[in-house]
Protein backbone atom coordinates (compact mmCIF):
# COMPACT_ATOMS: atom_id res chain seq x y z
CA MET A 1 -21.92 -28.09 -6.84
CA SER A 2 -21.64 -24.84 -4.87
CA ARG A 3 -18.94 -26.44 -2.73
CA LEU A 4 -16.88 -27.13 -5.84
CA VAL A 5 -17.24 -23.54 -7.00
CA ALA A 6 -16.25 -22.25 -3.59
CA LEU A 7 -13.12 -24.41 -3.65
CA THR A 8 -12.03 -23.31 -7.11
CA SER A 9 -12.72 -19.59 -6.77
CA PRO A 10 -9.59 -18.77 -4.70
CA VAL A 11 -7.49 -20.72 -7.19
CA THR A 12 -8.99 -18.75 -10.06
CA ALA A 13 -8.32 -15.49 -8.24
CA ARG A 14 -4.73 -16.54 -7.57
CA VAL A 15 -4.17 -17.48 -11.21
CA SER A 16 -5.64 -14.14 -12.26
CA LEU A 17 -3.32 -12.29 -9.90
CA ILE A 18 -0.31 -14.23 -11.17
CA ALA A 19 -1.33 -13.54 -14.78
CA ARG A 20 -1.67 -9.81 -14.08
CA LEU A 21 1.72 -9.74 -12.38
CA ALA A 22 3.33 -11.61 -15.29
CA PHE A 23 1.77 -9.13 -17.72
CA ALA A 24 3.05 -6.17 -15.69
CA LEU A 25 6.55 -7.64 -15.64
CA ARG A 26 6.48 -8.13 -19.44
CA VAL A 27 5.37 -4.51 -19.90
CA ARG A 28 8.19 -3.32 -17.63
CA GLN A 29 10.70 -5.31 -19.68
CA GLU A 30 9.37 -3.81 -22.93
CA ARG A 31 9.67 -0.32 -21.45
CA ARG A 32 13.29 -1.01 -20.50
CA HIS A 33 14.01 -2.24 -24.02
CA LEU A 34 12.50 0.91 -25.52
CA VAL A 35 14.83 3.09 -23.44
CA GLN A 36 17.82 1.25 -24.90
CA LEU A 37 16.86 1.93 -28.53
CA ASP A 38 18.70 4.55 -30.55
CA ASP A 39 16.85 7.72 -31.52
CA HIS A 40 16.68 6.73 -35.19
CA LEU A 41 14.99 3.44 -34.25
CA LEU A 42 12.53 5.29 -32.03
CA LYS A 43 11.78 7.60 -34.94
CA ASP A 44 11.04 4.54 -37.10
CA LEU A 45 8.52 3.50 -34.45
CA GLY A 46 7.00 6.98 -34.36
CA LEU A 47 8.21 7.65 -30.82
CA SER A 48 10.24 10.48 -29.36
CA ARG A 49 12.85 10.12 -26.62
CA ASP A 50 10.59 12.15 -24.31
CA GLU A 51 7.65 9.79 -24.90
CA VAL A 52 9.83 6.78 -24.18
CA GLN A 53 11.20 8.35 -20.99
CA ALA A 54 7.67 9.13 -19.84
CA GLU A 55 6.58 5.55 -20.54
CA ALA A 56 9.63 4.13 -18.77
CA GLY A 57 8.85 6.24 -15.71
CA ARG A 58 5.42 4.71 -15.21
CA LYS A 59 4.82 2.49 -12.19
CA LEU A 60 4.82 -1.31 -12.46
CA TRP A 61 1.06 -1.49 -11.90
CA ASP A 62 0.38 1.24 -14.49
CA THR A 63 -0.16 -1.06 -17.46
CA PRO A 64 -2.28 -0.69 -20.59
CA LYS A 65 -5.70 -2.30 -20.61
CA ARG A 66 -5.81 -5.54 -22.55
């Protein structure tokens, strides 16, 4: 049984890494979409242009906790 666990653990870690990367890429895409919105749409969302620019400037790995 321990051999089976040892064989699957790297796969699980790899899947987790891929999932985190996919999540980070989705967040980056959402940030890019926010930048493209007009100011009146941002106001409807309760966001200012400065807040959106700050969010868009965050690093790829700087994602919200799930």
